[in-house]
Amino acid sequence: MTKGSDYRITKETVALEPTYDQYGNLCTIVHESHETYMVTKSPKQIIEENCIFYGCSYEGILESAKQILGIKQMVPIALSVALGLYAMPTCSPESDKCCWLFLAHMKKIERHEKKRAKVIFTDDSSLIIDVHKDTLESRWAKMTLLHYVLTTRIGVYEKWESRLGLSAIWRLL
């Protein structure tokens, strides 16, 4: 695992997992599609810096998602609609236990022990999260809804809906 101080979230980013280094500093284990390494910033610091990089403050992106979803806590965010970068916190983003999971790489969530969940990613790697499976699935659904609403607003689904006659089906969901 290599260590760095900066990290750019991309389509390869799977998860940001908090950890402490040998000196007690909160750092991040970055899980990517084909690589894992440590960054000397907290997951929230990485998220905040990347929000700015992609064009908006963390507070602005968070407020937008709150308005769209009608929720106030543990809100998923859209770092970049154009790149499909959507992330969700596993608990309060203020917590030193908060992981950030990225929509494009989530495959399924399984129960793991009593109040824990195992997140399986598209590359079949996994991460154990200290959150109940049902709670995590609910947050995943909200992140998926945020993705749908924002991509619909920019017209991504319009051509497919008209070609496949899906508009009536989407309204039912």
N, C-alpha and C. Protein backbone atom coordinates (compact mmCIF):
# COMPACT_ATOMS: atom_id res chain seq x y z
N MET A 1 0.84 -1.17 0.00
CA MET A 1 0.00 0.00 0.00
C MET A 1 0.89 1.24 0.00
N THR A 2 0.76 2.07 -1.00
CA THR A 2 1.53 3.31 -1.02
C THR A 2 0.75 4.39 -0.29
N LYS A 3 1.45 5.40 0.14
CA LYS A 3 0.83 6.45 0.91
C LYS A 3 1.02 7.78 0.19
N GLY A 4 -0.03 8.56 0.10
CA GLY A 4 0.06 9.87 -0.51
C GLY A 4 -0.79 10.85 0.27
N SER A 5 -0.73 12.12 -0.11
CA SER A 5 -1.51 13.12 0.61
C SER A 5 -2.70 13.63 -0.20
N ASP A 6 -2.74 13.35 -1.48
CA ASP A 6 -3.85 13.81 -2.32
C ASP A 6 -4.46 12.63 -3.05
N TYR A 7 -5.75 12.77 -3.36
CA TYR A 7 -6.42 11.71 -4.11
C TYR A 7 -7.53 12.30 -4.96
N ARG A 8 -7.56 11.93 -6.22
CA ARG A 8 -8.61 12.35 -7.14
C ARG A 8 -9.60 11.20 -7.32
N ILE A 9 -10.85 11.43 -6.95
CA ILE A 9 -11.90 10.43 -7.14
C ILE A 9 -12.20 10.33 -8.63
N THR A 10 -12.25 9.10 -9.14
CA THR A 10 -12.53 8.84 -10.55
C THR A 10 -13.55 7.72 -10.66
N LYS A 11 -13.82 7.31 -11.89
CA LYS A 11 -14.72 6.17 -12.12
C LYS A 11 -14.17 4.88 -11.53
N GLU A 12 -12.89 4.84 -11.24
CA GLU A 12 -12.26 3.65 -10.65
C GLU A 12 -12.44 3.56 -9.14
N THR A 13 -12.87 4.64 -8.51
CA THR A 13 -13.00 4.66 -7.05
C THR A 13 -14.17 3.79 -6.61
N VAL A 14 -13.90 2.84 -5.74
CA VAL A 14 -14.90 1.89 -5.24
C VAL A 14 -15.37 2.32 -3.85
N ALA A 15 -14.44 2.63 -2.96
CA ALA A 15 -14.79 2.99 -1.58
C ALA A 15 -13.65 3.77 -0.93
N LEU A 16 -14.02 4.59 0.04
CA LEU A 16 -13.06 5.29 0.88
C LEU A 16 -13.30 4.80 2.30
N GLU A 17 -12.32 4.13 2.87
CA GLU A 17 -12.47 3.50 4.18
C GLU A 17 -11.55 4.18 5.20
N PRO A 18 -12.10 4.62 6.34
CA PRO A 18 -11.26 5.28 7.34
C PRO A 18 -10.35 4.29 8.06
N THR A 19 -9.18 4.78 8.44
CA THR A 19 -8.23 3.99 9.22
C THR A 19 -7.32 4.97 9.96
N TYR A 20 -6.66 4.48 10.96
CA TYR A 20 -5.69 5.31 11.67
C TYR A 20 -4.28 4.83 11.34
N ASP A 21 -3.38 5.78 11.16
CA ASP A 21 -1.98 5.39 10.93
C ASP A 21 -1.30 5.13 12.27
N GLN A 22 -0.05 4.80 12.24
CA GLN A 22 0.69 4.43 13.46
C GLN A 22 0.83 5.58 14.46
N TYR A 23 0.55 6.81 14.02
CA TYR A 23 0.65 7.97 14.90
C TYR A 23 -0.72 8.43 15.41
N GLY A 24 -1.77 7.70 15.06
CA GLY A 24 -3.11 8.05 15.50
C GLY A 24 -3.82 9.07 14.64
N ASN A 25 -3.31 9.32 13.43
CA ASN A 25 -3.95 10.25 12.50
C ASN A 25 -4.98 9.52 11.66
N LEU A 26 -6.14 10.16 11.49
CA LEU A 26 -7.19 9.57 10.65
C LEU A 26 -6.77 9.68 9.19
N CYS A 27 -6.72 8.55 8.52
CA CYS A 27 -6.32 8.46 7.11
C CYS A 27 -7.41 7.71 6.35
N THR A 28 -7.15 7.40 5.10
CA THR A 28 -8.12 6.70 4.26
C THR A 28 -7.46 5.58 3.50
N ILE A 29 -8.12 4.42 3.53
CA ILE A 29 -7.74 3.34 2.62
C ILE A 29 -8.62 3.53 1.40
N VAL A 30 -8.00 3.80 0.27
CA VAL A 30 -8.72 4.00 -0.98
C VAL A 30 -8.80 2.66 -1.70
N HIS A 31 -10.03 2.24 -1.98
CA HIS A 31 -10.25 1.01 -2.75
C HIS A 31 -10.61 1.43 -4.17
N GLU A 32 -9.81 1.02 -5.12
CA GLU A 32 -10.10 1.25 -6.53
C GLU A 32 -10.32 -0.10 -7.20
N SER A 33 -10.76 -0.07 -8.44
CA SER A 33 -11.05 -1.29 -9.18
C SER A 33 -9.91 -2.29 -9.16
N HIS A 34 -8.68 -1.81 -9.30
CA HIS A 34 -7.54 -2.73 -9.40
C HIS A 34 -6.42 -2.42 -8.43
N GLU A 35 -6.70 -1.57 -7.44
CA GLU A 35 -5.62 -1.14 -6.56
C GLU A 35 -6.19 -0.66 -5.22
N THR A 36 -5.42 -0.81 -4.17
CA THR A 36 -5.78 -0.30 -2.84
C THR A 36 -4.56 0.38 -2.25
N TYR A 37 -4.75 1.57 -1.70
CA TYR A 37 -3.64 2.27 -1.07
C TYR A 37 -4.13 3.25 -0.03
N MET A 38 -3.21 3.82 0.72
CA MET A 38 -3.55 4.73 1.80
C MET A 38 -3.26 6.17 1.42
N VAL A 39 -4.16 7.06 1.86
CA VAL A 39 -4.00 8.49 1.67
C VAL A 39 -4.03 9.13 3.06
N THR A 40 -3.19 10.12 3.29
CA THR A 40 -3.04 10.71 4.62
C THR A 40 -4.08 11.79 4.94
N LYS A 41 -5.25 11.67 4.37
CA LYS A 41 -6.38 12.56 4.68
C LYS A 41 -7.57 11.69 5.05
N SER A 42 -8.52 12.28 5.78
CA SER A 42 -9.72 11.53 6.15
C SER A 42 -10.62 11.37 4.93
N PRO A 43 -11.52 10.38 4.95
CA PRO A 43 -12.45 10.24 3.83
C PRO A 43 -13.24 11.52 3.56
N LYS A 44 -13.69 12.19 4.62
CA LYS A 44 -14.47 13.41 4.41
C LYS A 44 -13.62 14.51 3.77
N GLN A 45 -12.37 14.63 4.16
CA GLN A 45 -11.49 15.63 3.52
C GLN A 45 -11.34 15.33 2.03
N ILE A 46 -11.20 14.07 1.69
CA ILE A 46 -11.08 13.67 0.28
C ILE A 46 -12.35 14.02 -0.47
N ILE A 47 -13.50 13.71 0.13
CA ILE A 47 -14.80 14.04 -0.49
C ILE A 47 -14.91 15.55 -0.70
N GLU A 48 -14.62 16.33 0.33
CA GLU A 48 -14.73 17.79 0.24
C GLU A 48 -13.82 18.37 -0.85
N GLU A 49 -12.59 17.92 -0.90
CA GLU A 49 -11.66 18.41 -1.92
C GLU A 49 -12.11 18.05 -3.33
N ASN A 50 -12.68 16.86 -3.48
CA ASN A 50 -13.14 16.44 -4.80
C ASN A 50 -14.43 17.12 -5.22
N CYS A 51 -15.27 17.49 -4.26
CA CYS A 51 -16.45 18.29 -4.60
C CYS A 51 -16.01 19.59 -5.25
N ILE A 52 -15.05 20.27 -4.65
CA ILE A 52 -14.52 21.52 -5.20
C ILE A 52 -13.91 21.26 -6.58
N PHE A 53 -13.13 20.21 -6.72
CA PHE A 53 -12.50 19.88 -7.99
C PHE A 53 -13.54 19.72 -9.09
N TYR A 54 -14.66 19.06 -8.77
CA TYR A 54 -15.70 18.81 -9.78
C TYR A 54 -16.71 19.95 -9.90
N GLY A 55 -16.51 21.06 -9.16
CA GLY A 55 -17.28 22.26 -9.46
C GLY A 55 -18.23 22.80 -8.42
N CYS A 56 -18.29 22.24 -7.24
CA CYS A 56 -19.21 22.76 -6.23
C CYS A 56 -18.68 22.43 -4.84
N SER A 57 -19.09 23.18 -3.86
CA SER A 57 -18.67 22.88 -2.50
C SER A 57 -19.42 21.65 -1.98
N TYR A 58 -18.85 21.02 -0.98
CA TYR A 58 -19.51 19.88 -0.34
C TYR A 58 -20.87 20.31 0.20
N GLU A 59 -20.91 21.48 0.83
CA GLU A 59 -22.16 21.99 1.39
C GLU A 59 -23.22 22.19 0.30
N GLY A 60 -22.81 22.70 -0.85
CA GLY A 60 -23.74 22.90 -1.96
C GLY A 60 -24.27 21.59 -2.52
N ILE A 61 -23.38 20.63 -2.71
CA ILE A 61 -23.78 19.31 -3.23
C ILE A 61 -24.70 18.61 -2.23
N LEU A 62 -24.38 18.74 -0.95
CA LEU A 62 -25.18 18.13 0.10
C LEU A 62 -26.57 18.75 0.16
N GLU A 63 -26.64 20.07 0.10
CA GLU A 63 -27.93 20.76 0.15
C GLU A 63 -28.80 20.38 -1.05
N SER A 64 -28.19 20.28 -2.22
CA SER A 64 -28.92 19.86 -3.42
C SER A 64 -29.53 18.48 -3.23
N ALA A 65 -28.73 17.53 -2.75
CA ALA A 65 -29.22 16.17 -2.54
C ALA A 65 -30.32 16.13 -1.48
N LYS A 66 -30.18 16.93 -0.43
CA LYS A 66 -31.22 16.99 0.61
C LYS A 66 -32.54 17.46 0.02
N GLN A 67 -32.48 18.49 -0.81
CA GLN A 67 -33.70 19.02 -1.44
C GLN A 67 -34.33 18.00 -2.38
N ILE A 68 -33.53 17.35 -3.17
CA ILE A 68 -34.04 16.37 -4.13
C ILE A 68 -34.66 15.17 -3.43
N LEU A 69 -33.99 14.65 -2.41
CA LEU A 69 -34.43 13.42 -1.75
C LEU A 69 -35.36 13.66 -0.56
N GLY A 70 -35.40 14.87 -0.05
CA GLY A 70 -36.24 15.16 1.11
C GLY A 70 -35.75 14.49 2.38
N ILE A 71 -34.44 14.33 2.51
CA ILE A 71 -33.87 13.75 3.72
C ILE A 71 -32.81 14.69 4.29
N LYS A 72 -32.48 14.50 5.56
CA LYS A 72 -31.56 15.42 6.22
C LYS A 72 -30.29 14.77 6.74
N GLN A 73 -30.30 13.45 6.88
CA GLN A 73 -29.15 12.78 7.47
C GLN A 73 -28.59 11.71 6.54
N MET A 74 -27.29 11.51 6.63
CA MET A 74 -26.58 10.50 5.86
C MET A 74 -27.00 10.52 4.39
N VAL A 75 -26.89 11.69 3.83
CA VAL A 75 -27.35 11.99 2.47
C VAL A 75 -26.29 11.58 1.45
N PRO A 76 -26.70 10.85 0.41
CA PRO A 76 -25.76 10.54 -0.68
C PRO A 76 -25.48 11.81 -1.48
N ILE A 77 -24.38 11.83 -2.18
CA ILE A 77 -24.03 13.02 -2.96
C ILE A 77 -23.65 12.65 -4.39
N ALA A 78 -23.81 13.64 -5.26
CA ALA A 78 -23.37 13.51 -6.66
C ALA A 78 -22.14 14.39 -6.83
N LEU A 79 -20.98 13.77 -6.85
CA LEU A 79 -19.75 14.54 -7.05
C LEU A 79 -19.67 15.06 -8.47
N SER A 80 -20.07 14.22 -9.44
CA SER A 80 -20.09 14.61 -10.84
C SER A 80 -21.16 13.81 -11.56
N VAL A 81 -22.22 14.49 -11.96
CA VAL A 81 -23.29 13.82 -12.71
C VAL A 81 -22.75 13.37 -14.07
N ALA A 82 -21.96 14.21 -14.71
CA ALA A 82 -21.41 13.89 -16.03
C ALA A 82 -20.56 12.62 -16.02
N LEU A 83 -19.80 12.42 -14.94
CA LEU A 83 -18.94 11.23 -14.84
C LEU A 83 -19.61 10.08 -14.10
N GLY A 84 -20.81 10.30 -13.60
CA GLY A 84 -21.50 9.24 -12.86
C GLY A 84 -20.88 8.95 -11.51
N LEU A 85 -20.33 9.97 -10.86
CA LEU A 85 -19.69 9.78 -9.56
C LEU A 85 -20.66 10.11 -8.43
N TYR A 86 -21.27 9.08 -7.89
CA TYR A 86 -22.22 9.19 -6.79
C TYR A 86 -21.67 8.42 -5.60
N ALA A 87 -21.74 9.03 -4.42
CA ALA A 87 -21.20 8.38 -3.23
C ALA A 87 -22.18 8.50 -2.07
N MET A 88 -22.11 7.51 -1.17
CA MET A 88 -22.96 7.55 0.02
C MET A 88 -22.13 7.27 1.26
N PRO A 89 -22.43 8.00 2.34
CA PRO A 89 -21.75 7.72 3.60
C PRO A 89 -22.43 6.53 4.28
N THR A 90 -21.66 5.74 5.01
CA THR A 90 -22.24 4.59 5.71
C THR A 90 -22.80 4.97 7.07
N CYS A 91 -22.39 6.11 7.59
CA CYS A 91 -22.91 6.65 8.84
C CYS A 91 -22.71 8.17 8.76
N SER A 92 -22.80 8.87 9.85
CA SER A 92 -22.59 10.31 9.80
C SER A 92 -21.22 10.63 9.20
N PRO A 93 -21.18 11.51 8.21
CA PRO A 93 -19.89 11.88 7.62
C PRO A 93 -18.92 12.50 8.64
N GLU A 94 -19.44 12.95 9.76
CA GLU A 94 -18.60 13.52 10.82
C GLU A 94 -17.89 12.43 11.63
N SER A 95 -18.39 11.21 11.55
CA SER A 95 -17.83 10.10 12.33
C SER A 95 -16.50 9.63 11.74
N ASP A 96 -15.60 9.24 12.61
CA ASP A 96 -14.32 8.69 12.14
C ASP A 96 -14.47 7.25 11.66
N LYS A 97 -15.70 6.72 11.70
CA LYS A 97 -15.97 5.37 11.21
C LYS A 97 -16.69 5.38 9.86
N CYS A 98 -16.90 6.57 9.31
CA CYS A 98 -17.69 6.69 8.07
C CYS A 98 -16.89 6.28 6.83
N CYS A 99 -17.41 5.27 6.14
CA CYS A 99 -16.91 4.88 4.82
C CYS A 99 -17.76 5.59 3.77
N TRP A 100 -17.20 5.81 2.62
CA TRP A 100 -17.96 6.32 1.48
C TRP A 100 -17.93 5.25 0.40
N LEU A 101 -19.12 4.86 -0.06
CA LEU A 101 -19.26 3.83 -1.09
C LEU A 101 -19.73 4.48 -2.39
N PHE A 102 -19.26 3.98 -3.51
CA PHE A 102 -19.55 4.59 -4.80
C PHE A 102 -20.51 3.72 -5.61
N LEU A 103 -21.58 4.35 -6.08
CA LEU A 103 -22.69 3.67 -6.74
C LEU A 103 -22.28 2.75 -7.88
N ALA A 104 -21.41 3.20 -8.74
CA ALA A 104 -21.06 2.43 -9.95
C ALA A 104 -20.44 1.08 -9.64
N HIS A 105 -19.94 0.89 -8.44
CA HIS A 105 -19.23 -0.35 -8.11
C HIS A 105 -19.99 -1.26 -7.15
N MET A 106 -21.14 -0.82 -6.66
CA MET A 106 -21.89 -1.65 -5.71
C MET A 106 -22.69 -2.71 -6.45
N LYS A 107 -22.55 -3.95 -6.01
CA LYS A 107 -23.23 -5.08 -6.64
C LYS A 107 -24.36 -5.60 -5.76
N LYS A 108 -24.08 -5.87 -4.49
CA LYS A 108 -25.12 -6.31 -3.56
C LYS A 108 -24.64 -6.14 -2.13
N ILE A 109 -25.61 -6.25 -1.23
CA ILE A 109 -25.32 -6.14 0.20
C ILE A 109 -25.85 -7.39 0.88
N GLU A 110 -25.01 -8.00 1.68
CA GLU A 110 -25.41 -9.21 2.41
C GLU A 110 -25.32 -8.95 3.91
N ARG A 111 -26.10 -9.69 4.66
CA ARG A 111 -26.03 -9.61 6.11
C ARG A 111 -24.71 -10.25 6.56
N HIS A 112 -24.08 -9.62 7.55
CA HIS A 112 -22.84 -10.15 8.11
C HIS A 112 -22.92 -9.99 9.62
N GLU A 113 -23.05 -11.09 10.32
CA GLU A 113 -23.25 -11.07 11.77
C GLU A 113 -24.55 -10.33 12.08
N LYS A 114 -24.70 -9.89 13.34
CA LYS A 114 -25.98 -9.30 13.74
C LYS A 114 -26.27 -7.94 13.11
N LYS A 115 -25.43 -6.98 13.38
CA LYS A 115 -25.72 -5.61 12.95
C LYS A 115 -24.68 -5.09 11.97
N ARG A 116 -24.16 -5.96 11.17
CA ARG A 116 -23.16 -5.57 10.19
C ARG A 116 -23.60 -6.02 8.80
N ALA A 117 -23.00 -5.41 7.80
CA ALA A 117 -23.31 -5.76 6.42
C ALA A 117 -22.03 -5.98 5.64
N LYS A 118 -22.13 -6.82 4.64
CA LYS A 118 -21.01 -7.07 3.74
C LYS A 118 -21.40 -6.51 2.38
N VAL A 119 -20.67 -5.52 1.93
CA VAL A 119 -20.93 -4.91 0.63
C VAL A 119 -20.06 -5.64 -0.39
N ILE A 120 -20.71 -6.20 -1.41
CA ILE A 120 -20.01 -6.88 -2.49
C ILE A 120 -19.95 -5.90 -3.67
N PHE A 121 -18.77 -5.73 -4.20
CA PHE A 121 -18.58 -4.81 -5.31
C PHE A 121 -18.55 -5.57 -6.64
N THR A 122 -18.61 -4.83 -7.73
CA THR A 122 -18.69 -5.45 -9.06
C THR A 122 -17.47 -6.28 -9.41
N ASP A 123 -16.33 -6.01 -8.77
CA ASP A 123 -15.14 -6.83 -9.01
C ASP A 123 -15.05 -8.01 -8.04
N ASP A 124 -16.14 -8.24 -7.31
CA ASP A 124 -16.29 -9.31 -6.30
C ASP A 124 -15.43 -9.11 -5.05
N SER A 125 -14.81 -7.96 -4.90
CA SER A 125 -14.18 -7.65 -3.62
C SER A 125 -15.30 -7.26 -2.65
N SER A 126 -14.99 -7.16 -1.38
CA SER A 126 -16.03 -6.84 -0.41
C SER A 126 -15.47 -6.01 0.73
N LEU A 127 -16.38 -5.41 1.47
CA LEU A 127 -16.03 -4.59 2.61
C LEU A 127 -17.08 -4.83 3.69
N ILE A 128 -16.65 -5.06 4.93
CA ILE A 128 -17.57 -5.24 6.04
C ILE A 128 -17.83 -3.87 6.65
N ILE A 129 -19.12 -3.54 6.79
CA ILE A 129 -19.53 -2.23 7.29
C ILE A 129 -20.31 -2.42 8.60
N ASP A 130 -20.06 -1.58 9.58
CA ASP A 130 -20.75 -1.66 10.88
C ASP A 130 -22.11 -0.98 10.83
N VAL A 131 -22.93 -1.39 9.90
CA VAL A 131 -24.29 -0.87 9.74
C VAL A 131 -25.16 -2.06 9.36
N HIS A 132 -26.40 -2.07 9.84
CA HIS A 132 -27.33 -3.16 9.52
C HIS A 132 -27.60 -3.19 8.01
N LYS A 133 -27.74 -4.37 7.47
CA LYS A 133 -27.97 -4.58 6.03
C LYS A 133 -29.15 -3.75 5.51
N ASP A 134 -30.28 -3.78 6.22
CA ASP A 134 -31.47 -3.05 5.76
C ASP A 134 -31.23 -1.55 5.70
N THR A 135 -30.52 -1.03 6.67
CA THR A 135 -30.20 0.41 6.69
C THR A 135 -29.32 0.77 5.50
N LEU A 136 -28.33 -0.04 5.26
CA LEU A 136 -27.42 0.21 4.14
C LEU A 136 -28.15 0.10 2.80
N GLU A 137 -29.04 -0.87 2.67
CA GLU A 137 -29.81 -1.01 1.43
C GLU A 137 -30.71 0.19 1.20
N SER A 138 -31.29 0.72 2.26
CA SER A 138 -32.13 1.91 2.15
C SER A 138 -31.31 3.11 1.65
N ARG A 139 -30.11 3.26 2.16
CA ARG A 139 -29.24 4.36 1.71
C ARG A 139 -28.80 4.16 0.26
N TRP A 140 -28.56 2.92 -0.11
CA TRP A 140 -28.20 2.60 -1.49
C TRP A 140 -29.34 2.98 -2.43
N ALA A 141 -30.57 2.66 -2.01
CA ALA A 141 -31.74 3.01 -2.82
C ALA A 141 -31.86 4.52 -3.00
N LYS A 142 -31.57 5.27 -1.94
CA LYS A 142 -31.63 6.73 -2.04
C LYS A 142 -30.55 7.27 -2.97
N MET A 143 -29.38 6.67 -2.92
CA MET A 143 -28.31 7.08 -3.84
C MET A 143 -28.72 6.77 -5.28
N THR A 144 -29.33 5.63 -5.50
CA THR A 144 -29.79 5.26 -6.84
C THR A 144 -30.87 6.23 -7.33
N LEU A 145 -31.77 6.63 -6.43
CA LEU A 145 -32.80 7.60 -6.78
C LEU A 145 -32.18 8.95 -7.13
N LEU A 146 -31.19 9.38 -6.37
CA LEU A 146 -30.49 10.63 -6.67
C LEU A 146 -29.88 10.56 -8.08
N HIS A 147 -29.25 9.45 -8.39
CA HIS A 147 -28.67 9.24 -9.72
C HIS A 147 -29.75 9.36 -10.79
N TYR A 148 -30.88 8.69 -10.59
CA TYR A 148 -31.96 8.71 -11.58
C TYR A 148 -32.50 10.13 -11.78
N VAL A 149 -32.79 10.82 -10.69
CA VAL A 149 -33.35 12.17 -10.79
C VAL A 149 -32.39 13.10 -11.54
N LEU A 150 -31.13 13.10 -11.16
CA LEU A 150 -30.18 14.03 -11.79
C LEU A 150 -29.89 13.68 -13.24
N THR A 151 -29.78 12.40 -13.56
CA THR A 151 -29.53 12.05 -14.96
C THR A 151 -30.78 12.27 -15.81
N THR A 152 -31.95 12.13 -15.22
CA THR A 152 -33.18 12.45 -15.95
C THR A 152 -33.23 13.94 -16.26
N ARG A 153 -32.83 14.75 -15.31
CA ARG A 153 -32.84 16.20 -15.51
C ARG A 153 -31.92 16.65 -16.63
N ILE A 154 -30.85 15.93 -16.88
CA ILE A 154 -29.96 16.31 -17.98
C ILE A 154 -30.27 15.54 -19.26
N GLY A 155 -31.34 14.75 -19.25
CA GLY A 155 -31.81 14.11 -20.47
C GLY A 155 -31.19 12.78 -20.83
N VAL A 156 -30.46 12.15 -19.94
CA VAL A 156 -29.81 10.89 -20.26
C VAL A 156 -30.82 9.79 -20.59
N TYR A 157 -31.92 9.74 -19.83
CA TYR A 157 -32.86 8.65 -20.02
C TYR A 157 -33.90 8.91 -21.12
N GLU A 158 -34.05 10.15 -21.55
CA GLU A 158 -35.12 10.49 -22.49
C GLU A 158 -35.10 9.67 -23.77
N LYS A 159 -33.94 9.54 -24.41
CA LYS A 159 -33.90 8.82 -25.68
C LYS A 159 -34.19 7.34 -25.47
N TRP A 160 -33.75 6.76 -24.35
CA TRP A 160 -34.03 5.34 -24.09
C TRP A 160 -35.49 5.12 -23.74
N GLU A 161 -36.07 6.05 -22.99
CA GLU A 161 -37.48 5.92 -22.65
C GLU A 161 -38.34 5.96 -23.90
N SER A 162 -38.04 6.87 -24.82
CA SER A 162 -38.85 6.97 -26.03
C SER A 162 -38.63 5.78 -26.96
N ARG A 163 -37.41 5.32 -27.08
CA ARG A 163 -37.12 4.17 -27.95
C ARG A 163 -37.72 2.87 -27.42
N LEU A 164 -37.67 2.69 -26.12
CA LEU A 164 -38.11 1.43 -25.54
C LEU A 164 -39.50 1.49 -24.91
N GLY A 165 -40.12 2.66 -24.93
CA GLY A 165 -41.45 2.79 -24.34
C GLY A 165 -41.44 2.60 -22.83
N LEU A 166 -40.42 3.11 -22.19
CA LEU A 166 -40.27 2.89 -20.75
C LEU A 166 -40.88 3.98 -19.88
N SER A 167 -41.36 5.05 -20.46
CA SER A 167 -41.82 6.18 -19.65
C SER A 167 -42.93 5.78 -18.69
N ALA A 168 -43.83 4.92 -19.11
CA ALA A 168 -44.91 4.47 -18.22
C ALA A 168 -44.37 3.62 -17.08
N ILE A 169 -43.37 2.82 -17.36
CA ILE A 169 -42.76 1.97 -16.33
C ILE A 169 -42.05 2.81 -15.28
N TRP A 170 -41.27 3.83 -15.72
CA TRP A 170 -40.55 4.68 -14.77
C TRP A 170 -41.51 5.38 -13.82
N ARG A 171 -42.67 5.81 -14.33
CA ARG A 171 -43.64 6.51 -13.48
C ARG A 171 -44.18 5.62 -12.38
N LEU A 172 -44.24 4.32 -12.64
CA LEU A 172 -44.73 3.39 -11.63
C LEU A 172 -43.73 3.17 -10.51
N LEU A 173 -42.45 3.35 -10.79
CA LEU A 173 -41.41 3.12 -9.78
C LEU A 173 -41.31 4.27 -8.89
